Amino acid sequence: MALSAEVAEIIEHFQWLTEEQSNNLPKDKLEEVGTELADTLIYLVRLADKLDIDLLTAAVNKIELNEQKYPVERAKGSAKKYTEYDK
């Protein structure tokens, strides 16, 4: 639950911004986002530790799965879920 709250605090910084504004945060806002990202990372690492999950291995496995589900030639430029691709 704490992890979810920290992620929500990150979202608050971007919720009403345009993409351009999000990419050009003032230094003070960027530092605030960095602090919230750090909080999120700490909770995530702690949760993985408690569950005995190797986050790096899990991330590599997830990237490989996504590469299979969303091949570049079918997914690039599309917001479709992999189950919506033409068979």
PDB file of N, CA and C in Angstrom:
ATOM      1  N   MET A   1       0.822  -1.197   0.000  1.00  0.00           N
ATOM      2  CA  MET A   1       0.000   0.000   0.000  1.00  0.00           C
ATOM      3  C   MET A   1       0.863   1.257   0.000  1.00  0.00           C
ATOM      4  N   ALA A   2       1.960   1.211   0.735  1.00  0.00           N
ATOM      5  CA  ALA A   2       2.854   2.367   0.772  1.00  0.00           C
ATOM      6  C   ALA A   2       3.466   2.609  -0.603  1.00  0.00           C
ATOM      7  N   LEU A   3       3.781   1.540  -1.307  1.00  0.00           N
ATOM      8  CA  LEU A   3       4.338   1.673  -2.654  1.00  0.00           C
ATOM      9  C   LEU A   3       3.353   2.381  -3.567  1.00  0.00           C
ATOM     10  N   SER A   4       2.107   2.003  -3.497  1.00  0.00           N
ATOM     11  CA  SER A   4       1.065   2.640  -4.306  1.00  0.00           C
ATOM     12  C   SER A   4       0.964   4.134  -3.984  1.00  0.00           C
ATOM     13  N   ALA A   5       1.040   4.479  -2.726  1.00  0.00           N
ATOM     14  CA  ALA A   5       0.973   5.892  -2.325  1.00  0.00           C
ATOM     15  C   ALA A   5       2.157   6.672  -2.872  1.00  0.00           C
ATOM     16  N   GLU A   6       3.338   6.068  -2.870  1.00  0.00           N
ATOM     17  CA  GLU A   6       4.527   6.751  -3.398  1.00  0.00           C
ATOM     18  C   GLU A   6       4.413   6.965  -4.903  1.00  0.00           C
ATOM     19  N   VAL A   7       3.903   5.979  -5.619  1.00  0.00           N
ATOM     20  CA  VAL A   7       3.708   6.116  -7.064  1.00  0.00           C
ATOM     21  C   VAL A   7       2.699   7.234  -7.343  1.00  0.00           C
ATOM     22  N   ALA A   8       1.663   7.313  -6.536  1.00  0.00           N
ATOM     23  CA  ALA A   8       0.674   8.385  -6.701  1.00  0.00           C
ATOM     24  C   ALA A   8       1.317   9.758  -6.523  1.00  0.00           C
ATOM     25  N   GLU A   9       2.277   9.858  -5.628  1.00  0.00           N
ATOM     26  CA  GLU A   9       2.972  11.134  -5.421  1.00  0.00           C
ATOM     27  C   GLU A   9       3.804  11.516  -6.645  1.00  0.00           C
ATOM     28  N   ILE A  10       4.330  10.530  -7.354  1.00  0.00           N
ATOM     29  CA  ILE A  10       5.039  10.810  -8.610  1.00  0.00           C
ATOM     30  C   ILE A  10       4.046  11.334  -9.644  1.00  0.00           C
ATOM     31  N   ILE A  11       2.928  10.651  -9.758  1.00  0.00           N
ATOM     32  CA  ILE A  11       1.911  11.014 -10.744  1.00  0.00           C
ATOM     33  C   ILE A  11       1.430  12.447 -10.541  1.00  0.00           C
ATOM     34  N   GLU A  12       1.292  12.858  -9.295  1.00  0.00           N
ATOM     35  CA  GLU A  12       0.823  14.215  -8.993  1.00  0.00           C
ATOM     36  C   GLU A  12       1.668  15.281  -9.689  1.00  0.00           C
ATOM     37  N   HIS A  13       2.947  15.019  -9.857  1.00  0.00           N
ATOM     38  CA  HIS A  13       3.835  16.004 -10.483  1.00  0.00           C
ATOM     39  C   HIS A  13       3.576  16.152 -11.980  1.00  0.00           C
ATOM     40  N   PHE A  14       2.970  15.152 -12.592  1.00  0.00           N
ATOM     41  CA  PHE A  14       2.795  15.150 -14.048  1.00  0.00           C
ATOM     42  C   PHE A  14       1.340  15.198 -14.513  1.00  0.00           C
ATOM     43  N   GLN A  15       0.431  15.011 -13.602  1.00  0.00           N
ATOM     44  CA  GLN A  15      -0.977  14.795 -13.945  1.00  0.00           C
ATOM     45  C   GLN A  15      -1.557  15.818 -14.902  1.00  0.00           C
ATOM     46  N   TRP A  16      -1.298  17.072 -14.724  1.00  0.00           N
ATOM     47  CA  TRP A  16      -1.934  18.110 -15.547  1.00  0.00           C
ATOM     48  C   TRP A  16      -0.961  18.791 -16.511  1.00  0.00           C
ATOM     49  N   LEU A  17       0.205  18.192 -16.707  1.00  0.00           N
ATOM     50  CA  LEU A  17       1.211  18.776 -17.591  1.00  0.00           C
ATOM     51  C   LEU A  17       1.105  18.213 -19.000  1.00  0.00           C
ATOM     52  N   THR A  18       1.538  19.016 -19.951  1.00  0.00           N
ATOM     53  CA  THR A  18       1.679  18.515 -21.313  1.00  0.00           C
ATOM     54  C   THR A  18       2.947  17.664 -21.380  1.00  0.00           C
ATOM     55  N   GLU A  19       3.104  16.954 -22.488  1.00  0.00           N
ATOM     56  CA  GLU A  19       4.326  16.163 -22.655  1.00  0.00           C
ATOM     57  C   GLU A  19       5.555  17.067 -22.637  1.00  0.00           C
ATOM     58  N   GLU A  20       5.455  18.216 -23.288  1.00  0.00           N
ATOM     59  CA  GLU A  20       6.582  19.152 -23.321  1.00  0.00           C
ATOM     60  C   GLU A  20       6.916  19.651 -21.919  1.00  0.00           C
ATOM     61  N   GLN A  21       5.899  20.007 -21.148  1.00  0.00           N
ATOM     62  CA  GLN A  21       6.142  20.460 -19.779  1.00  0.00           C
ATOM     63  C   GLN A  21       6.764  19.348 -18.934  1.00  0.00           C
ATOM     64  N   SER A  22       6.290  18.133 -19.124  1.00  0.00           N
ATOM     65  CA  SER A  22       6.828  16.996 -18.378  1.00  0.00           C
ATOM     66  C   SER A  22       8.300  16.765 -18.692  1.00  0.00           C
ATOM     67  N   ASN A  23       8.679  17.027 -19.932  1.00  0.00           N
ATOM     68  CA  ASN A  23      10.073  16.830 -20.350  1.00  0.00           C
ATOM     69  C   ASN A  23      10.979  17.983 -19.961  1.00  0.00           C
ATOM     70  N   ASN A  24      10.397  19.083 -19.470  1.00  0.00           N
ATOM     71  CA  ASN A  24      11.193  20.278 -19.137  1.00  0.00           C
ATOM     72  C   ASN A  24      10.838  20.800 -17.754  1.00  0.00           C
ATOM     73  N   LEU A  25      10.877  19.922 -16.763  1.00  0.00           N
ATOM     74  CA  LEU A  25      10.558  20.339 -15.403  1.00  0.00           C
ATOM     75  C   LEU A  25      11.607  21.308 -14.879  1.00  0.00           C
ATOM     76  N   PRO A  26      11.172  22.316 -14.120  1.00  0.00           N
ATOM     77  CA  PRO A  26      12.137  23.198 -13.461  1.00  0.00           C
ATOM     78  C   PRO A  26      12.987  22.391 -12.476  1.00  0.00           C
ATOM     79  N   LYS A  27      14.156  22.884 -12.179  1.00  0.00           N
ATOM     80  CA  LYS A  27      15.102  22.158 -11.333  1.00  0.00           C
ATOM     81  C   LYS A  27      14.487  21.746  -9.998  1.00  0.00           C
ATOM     82  N   ASP A  28      13.742  22.640  -9.357  1.00  0.00           N
ATOM     83  CA  ASP A  28      13.162  22.301  -8.057  1.00  0.00           C
ATOM     84  C   ASP A  28      12.143  21.174  -8.169  1.00  0.00           C
ATOM     85  N   LYS A  29      11.330  21.185  -9.229  1.00  0.00           N
ATOM     86  CA  LYS A  29      10.346  20.114  -9.435  1.00  0.00           C
ATOM     87  C   LYS A  29      11.036  18.799  -9.769  1.00  0.00           C
ATOM     88  N   LEU A  30      12.099  18.883 -10.558  1.00  0.00           N
ATOM     89  CA  LEU A  30      12.861  17.692 -10.913  1.00  0.00           C
ATOM     90  C   LEU A  30      13.450  17.039  -9.663  1.00  0.00           C
ATOM     91  N   GLU A  31      13.924  17.852  -8.747  1.00  0.00           N
ATOM     92  CA  GLU A  31      14.461  17.321  -7.493  1.00  0.00           C
ATOM     93  C   GLU A  31      13.362  16.660  -6.664  1.00  0.00           C
ATOM     94  N   GLU A  32      12.172  17.256  -6.650  1.00  0.00           N
ATOM     95  CA  GLU A  32      11.046  16.663  -5.930  1.00  0.00           C
ATOM     96  C   GLU A  32      10.670  15.312  -6.541  1.00  0.00           C
ATOM     97  N   VAL A  33      10.625  15.249  -7.860  1.00  0.00           N
ATOM     98  CA  VAL A  33      10.316  13.982  -8.537  1.00  0.00           C
ATOM     99  C   VAL A  33      11.392  12.953  -8.208  1.00  0.00           C
ATOM    100  N   GLY A  34      12.637  13.380  -8.190  1.00  0.00           N
ATOM    101  CA  GLY A  34      13.730  12.472  -7.845  1.00  0.00           C
ATOM    102  C   GLY A  34      13.561  11.882  -6.459  1.00  0.00           C
ATOM    103  N   THR A  35      13.128  12.703  -5.524  1.00  0.00           N
ATOM    104  CA  THR A  35      12.890  12.226  -4.160  1.00  0.00           C
ATOM    105  C   THR A  35      11.761  11.191  -4.129  1.00  0.00           C
ATOM    106  N   GLU A  36      10.696  11.466  -4.859  1.00  0.00           N
ATOM    107  CA  GLU A  36       9.575  10.524  -4.908  1.00  0.00           C
ATOM    108  C   GLU A  36       9.979   9.222  -5.606  1.00  0.00           C
ATOM    109  N   LEU A  37      10.785   9.327  -6.662  1.00  0.00           N
ATOM    110  CA  LEU A  37      11.277   8.121  -7.337  1.00  0.00           C
ATOM    111  C   LEU A  37      12.135   7.294  -6.386  1.00  0.00           C
ATOM    112  N   ALA A  38      12.959   7.974  -5.601  1.00  0.00           N
ATOM    113  CA  ALA A  38      13.802   7.273  -4.627  1.00  0.00           C
ATOM    114  C   ALA A  38      12.940   6.557  -3.586  1.00  0.00           C
ATOM    115  N   ASP A  39      11.907   7.235  -3.086  1.00  0.00           N
ATOM    116  CA  ASP A  39      10.999   6.588  -2.133  1.00  0.00           C
ATOM    117  C   ASP A  39      10.387   5.334  -2.735  1.00  0.00           C
ATOM    118  N   THR A  40       9.952   5.440  -3.982  1.00  0.00           N
ATOM    119  CA  THR A  40       9.336   4.306  -4.672  1.00  0.00           C
ATOM    120  C   THR A  40      10.333   3.165  -4.827  1.00  0.00           C
ATOM    121  N   LEU A  41      11.546   3.501  -5.220  1.00  0.00           N
ATOM    122  CA  LEU A  41      12.576   2.476  -5.381  1.00  0.00           C
ATOM    123  C   LEU A  41      12.857   1.771  -4.060  1.00  0.00           C
ATOM    124  N   ILE A  42      12.941   2.521  -2.994  1.00  0.00           N
ATOM    125  CA  ILE A  42      13.218   1.927  -1.683  1.00  0.00           C
ATOM    126  C   ILE A  42      12.122   0.930  -1.300  1.00  0.00           C
ATOM    127  N   TYR A  43      10.860   1.337  -1.461  1.00  0.00           N
ATOM    128  CA  TYR A  43       9.763   0.418  -1.141  1.00  0.00           C
ATOM    129  C   TYR A  43       9.791  -0.808  -2.046  1.00  0.00           C
ATOM    130  N   LEU A  44      10.056  -0.626  -3.316  1.00  0.00           N
ATOM    131  CA  LEU A  44      10.084  -1.729  -4.270  1.00  0.00           C
ATOM    132  C   LEU A  44      11.209  -2.711  -3.946  1.00  0.00           C
ATOM    133  N   VAL A  45      12.385  -2.195  -3.666  1.00  0.00           N
ATOM    134  CA  VAL A  45      13.521  -3.055  -3.332  1.00  0.00           C
ATOM    135  C   VAL A  45      13.254  -3.803  -2.030  1.00  0.00           C
ATOM    136  N   ARG A  46      12.669  -3.112  -1.071  1.00  0.00           N
ATOM    137  CA  ARG A  46      12.355  -3.758   0.219  1.00  0.00           C
ATOM    138  C   ARG A  46      11.325  -4.875   0.036  1.00  0.00           C
ATOM    139  N   LEU A  47      10.313  -4.622  -0.772  1.00  0.00           N
ATOM    140  CA  LEU A  47       9.308  -5.644  -1.033  1.00  0.00           C
ATOM    141  C   LEU A  47       9.929  -6.857  -1.730  1.00  0.00           C
ATOM    142  N   ALA A  48      10.751  -6.604  -2.727  1.00  0.00           N
ATOM    143  CA  ALA A  48      11.422  -7.702  -3.430  1.00  0.00           C
ATOM    144  C   ALA A  48      12.303  -8.494  -2.472  1.00  0.00           C
ATOM    145  N   ASP A  49      12.995  -7.807  -1.577  1.00  0.00           N
ATOM    146  CA  ASP A  49      13.846  -8.474  -0.592  1.00  0.00           C
ATOM    147  C   ASP A  49      13.015  -9.367   0.321  1.00  0.00           C
ATOM    148  N   LYS A  50      11.896  -8.844   0.807  1.00  0.00           N
ATOM    149  CA  LYS A  50      11.027  -9.618   1.706  1.00  0.00           C
ATOM    150  C   LYS A  50      10.462 -10.857   1.007  1.00  0.00           C
ATOM    151  N   LEU A  51      10.205 -10.751  -0.295  1.00  0.00           N
ATOM    152  CA  LEU A  51       9.644 -11.863  -1.054  1.00  0.00           C
ATOM    153  C   LEU A  51      10.712 -12.729  -1.718  1.00  0.00           C
ATOM    154  N   ASP A  52      11.984 -12.384  -1.489  1.00  0.00           N
ATOM    155  CA  ASP A  52      13.116 -13.113  -2.059  1.00  0.00           C
ATOM    156  C   ASP A  52      13.038 -13.169  -3.589  1.00  0.00           C
ATOM    157  N   ILE A  53      12.776 -12.005  -4.175  1.00  0.00           N
ATOM    158  CA  ILE A  53      12.711 -11.872  -5.634  1.00  0.00           C
ATOM    159  C   ILE A  53      13.914 -11.063  -6.102  1.00  0.00           C
ATOM    160  N   ASP A  54      14.634 -11.603  -7.071  1.00  0.00           N
ATOM    161  CA  ASP A  54      15.751 -10.884  -7.678  1.00  0.00           C
ATOM    162  C   ASP A  54      15.159  -9.944  -8.721  1.00  0.00           C
ATOM    163  N   LEU A  55      15.129  -8.650  -8.405  1.00  0.00           N
ATOM    164  CA  LEU A  55      14.480  -7.680  -9.282  1.00  0.00           C
ATOM    165  C   LEU A  55      15.132  -7.588 -10.652  1.00  0.00           C
ATOM    166  N   LEU A  56      16.438  -7.665 -10.706  1.00  0.00           N
ATOM    167  CA  LEU A  56      17.118  -7.572 -11.995  1.00  0.00           C
ATOM    168  C   LEU A  56      16.734  -8.748 -12.892  1.00  0.00           C
ATOM    169  N   THR A  57      16.733  -9.941 -12.338  1.00  0.00           N
ATOM    170  CA  THR A  57      16.333 -11.117 -13.109  1.00  0.00           C
ATOM    171  C   THR A  57      14.871 -11.010 -13.533  1.00  0.00           C
ATOM    172  N   ALA A  58      14.010 -10.571 -12.627  1.00  0.00           N
ATOM    173  CA  ALA A  58      12.593 -10.417 -12.945  1.00  0.00           C
ATOM    174  C   ALA A  58      12.402  -9.395 -14.062  1.00  0.00           C
ATOM    175  N   ALA A  59      13.168  -8.313 -14.034  1.00  0.00           N
ATOM    176  CA  ALA A  59      13.052  -7.282 -15.076  1.00  0.00           C
ATOM    177  C   ALA A  59      13.518  -7.814 -16.429  1.00  0.00           C
ATOM    178  N   VAL A  60      14.628  -8.529 -16.447  1.00  0.00           N
ATOM    179  CA  VAL A  60      15.123  -9.115 -17.698  1.00  0.00           C
ATOM    180  C   VAL A  60      14.101 -10.091 -18.263  1.00  0.00           C
ATOM    181  N   ASN A  61      13.526 -10.919 -17.398  1.00  0.00           N
ATOM    182  CA  ASN A  61      12.506 -11.882 -17.841  1.00  0.00           C
ATOM    183  C   ASN A  61      11.289 -11.162 -18.408  1.00  0.00           C
ATOM    184  N   LYS A  62      10.876 -10.079 -17.778  1.00  0.00           N
ATOM    185  CA  LYS A  62       9.713  -9.326 -18.241  1.00  0.00           C
ATOM    186  C   LYS A  62       9.988  -8.657 -19.584  1.00  0.00           C
ATOM    187  N   ILE A  63      11.180  -8.130 -19.769  1.00  0.00           N
ATOM    188  CA  ILE A  63      11.550  -7.522 -21.053  1.00  0.00           C
ATOM    189  C   ILE A  63      11.504  -8.570 -22.160  1.00  0.00           C
ATOM    190  N   GLU A  64      12.022  -9.753 -21.876  1.00  0.00           N
ATOM    191  CA  GLU A  64      12.000 -10.833 -22.868  1.00  0.00           C
ATOM    192  C   GLU A  64      10.561 -11.230 -23.200  1.00  0.00           C
ATOM    193  N   LEU A  65       9.705 -11.313 -22.202  1.00  0.00           N
ATOM    194  CA  LEU A  65       8.300 -11.637 -22.429  1.00  0.00           C
ATOM    195  C   LEU A  65       7.627 -10.564 -23.276  1.00  0.00           C
ATOM    196  N   ASN A  66       7.889  -9.303 -22.966  1.00  0.00           N
ATOM    197  CA  ASN A  66       7.307  -8.196 -23.739  1.00  0.00           C
ATOM    198  C   ASN A  66       7.786  -8.213 -25.189  1.00  0.00           C
ATOM    199  N   GLU A  67       9.051  -8.586 -25.412  1.00  0.00           N
ATOM    200  CA  GLU A  67       9.559  -8.674 -26.779  1.00  0.00           C
ATOM    201  C   GLU A  67       8.800  -9.723 -27.579  1.00  0.00           C
ATOM    202  N   GLN A  68       8.390 -10.798 -26.924  1.00  0.00           N
ATOM    203  CA  GLN A  68       7.615 -11.844 -27.598  1.00  0.00           C
ATOM    204  C   GLN A  68       6.178 -11.384 -27.839  1.00  0.00           C
ATOM    205  N   LYS A  69       5.587 -10.738 -26.837  1.00  0.00           N
ATOM    206  CA  LYS A  69       4.188 -10.311 -26.935  1.00  0.00           C
ATOM    207  C   LYS A  69       4.012  -9.103 -27.842  1.00  0.00           C
ATOM    208  N   TYR A  70       5.020  -8.248 -27.884  1.00  0.00           N
ATOM    209  CA  TYR A  70       4.932  -6.995 -28.643  1.00  0.00           C
ATOM    210  C   TYR A  70       6.111  -6.850 -29.596  1.00  0.00           C
ATOM    211  N   PRO A  71       6.182  -7.697 -30.635  1.00  0.00           N
ATOM    212  CA  PRO A  71       7.285  -7.566 -31.593  1.00  0.00           C
ATOM    213  C   PRO A  71       7.242  -6.194 -32.258  1.00  0.00           C
ATOM    214  N   VAL A  72       8.397  -5.614 -32.474  1.00  0.00           N
ATOM    215  CA  VAL A  72       8.501  -4.253 -32.993  1.00  0.00           C
ATOM    216  C   VAL A  72       7.702  -4.075 -34.266  1.00  0.00           C
ATOM    217  N   GLU A  73       7.797  -5.022 -35.172  1.00  0.00           N
ATOM    218  CA  GLU A  73       7.120  -4.877 -36.469  1.00  0.00           C
ATOM    219  C   GLU A  73       5.589  -4.831 -36.336  1.00  0.00           C
ATOM    220  N   ARG A  74       5.059  -5.321 -35.227  1.00  0.00           N
ATOM    221  CA  ARG A  74       3.600  -5.285 -35.031  1.00  0.00           C
ATOM    222  C   ARG A  74       3.174  -4.206 -34.035  1.00  0.00           C
ATOM    223  N   ALA A  75       4.030  -3.888 -33.082  1.00  0.00           N
ATOM    224  CA  ALA A  75       3.624  -3.016 -31.983  1.00  0.00           C
ATOM    225  C   ALA A  75       4.040  -1.559 -32.143  1.00  0.00           C
ATOM    226  N   LYS A  76       5.075  -1.299 -32.927  1.00  0.00           N
ATOM    227  CA  LYS A  76       5.567   0.069 -33.036  1.00  0.00           C
ATOM    228  C   LYS A  76       4.468   1.017 -33.532  1.00  0.00           C
ATOM    229  N   GLY A  77       4.245   2.067 -32.769  1.00  0.00           N
ATOM    230  CA  GLY A  77       3.259   3.068 -33.136  1.00  0.00           C
ATOM    231  C   GLY A  77       1.825   2.669 -32.821  1.00  0.00           C
ATOM    232  N   SER A  78       1.644   1.570 -32.125  1.00  0.00           N
ATOM    233  CA  SER A  78       0.295   1.089 -31.816  1.00  0.00           C
ATOM    234  C   SER A  78       0.092   1.018 -30.305  1.00  0.00           C
ATOM    235  N   ALA A  79      -1.108   1.343 -29.867  1.00  0.00           N
ATOM    236  CA  ALA A  79      -1.460   1.231 -28.455  1.00  0.00           C
ATOM    237  C   ALA A  79      -2.257  -0.043 -28.183  1.00  0.00           C
ATOM    238  N   LYS A  80      -2.365  -0.903 -29.189  1.00  0.00           N
ATOM    239  CA  LYS A  80      -3.136  -2.130 -29.031  1.00  0.00           C
ATOM    240  C   LYS A  80      -2.456  -3.089 -28.061  1.00  0.00           C
ATOM    241  N   LYS A  81      -3.290  -3.821 -27.326  1.00  0.00           N
ATOM    242  CA  LYS A  81      -2.787  -4.895 -26.499  1.00  0.00           C
ATOM    243  C   LYS A  81      -2.468  -6.073 -27.409  1.00  0.00           C
ATOM    244  N   TYR A  82      -1.519  -6.888 -27.017  1.00  0.00           N
ATOM    245  CA  TYR A  82      -1.092  -8.002 -27.879  1.00  0.00           C
ATOM    246  C   TYR A  82      -2.237  -8.927 -28.265  1.00  0.00           C
ATOM    247  N   THR A  83      -3.269  -9.017 -27.426  1.00  0.00           N
ATOM    248  CA  THR A  83      -4.410  -9.885 -27.754  1.00  0.00           C
ATOM    249  C   THR A  83      -5.290  -9.281 -28.849  1.00  0.00           C
ATOM    250  N   GLU A  84      -5.058  -8.030 -29.205  1.00  0.00           N
ATOM    251  CA  GLU A  84      -5.839  -7.371 -30.243  1.00  0.00           C
ATOM    252  C   GLU A  84      -5.190  -7.417 -31.610  1.00  0.00           C
ATOM    253  N   TYR A  85      -3.993  -7.969 -31.708  1.00  0.00           N
ATOM    254  CA  TYR A  85      -3.327  -8.068 -33.008  1.00  0.00           C
ATOM    255  C   TYR A  85      -4.088  -9.021 -33.913  1.00  0.00           C
ATOM    256  N   ASP A  86      -4.031  -8.741 -35.210  1.00  0.00           N
ATOM    257  CA  ASP A  86      -4.610  -9.665 -36.188  1.00  0.00           C
ATOM    258  C   ASP A  86      -3.819 -10.947 -36.147  1.00  0.00           C
ATOM    259  N   LYS A  87      -4.499 -12.034 -36.197  1.00  0.00           N
ATOM    260  CA  LYS A  87      -3.812 -13.343 -36.142  1.00  0.00           C
ATOM    261  C   LYS A  87      -3.315 -13.728 -37.502  1.00  0.00           C
TER     262      LYS A  87
END
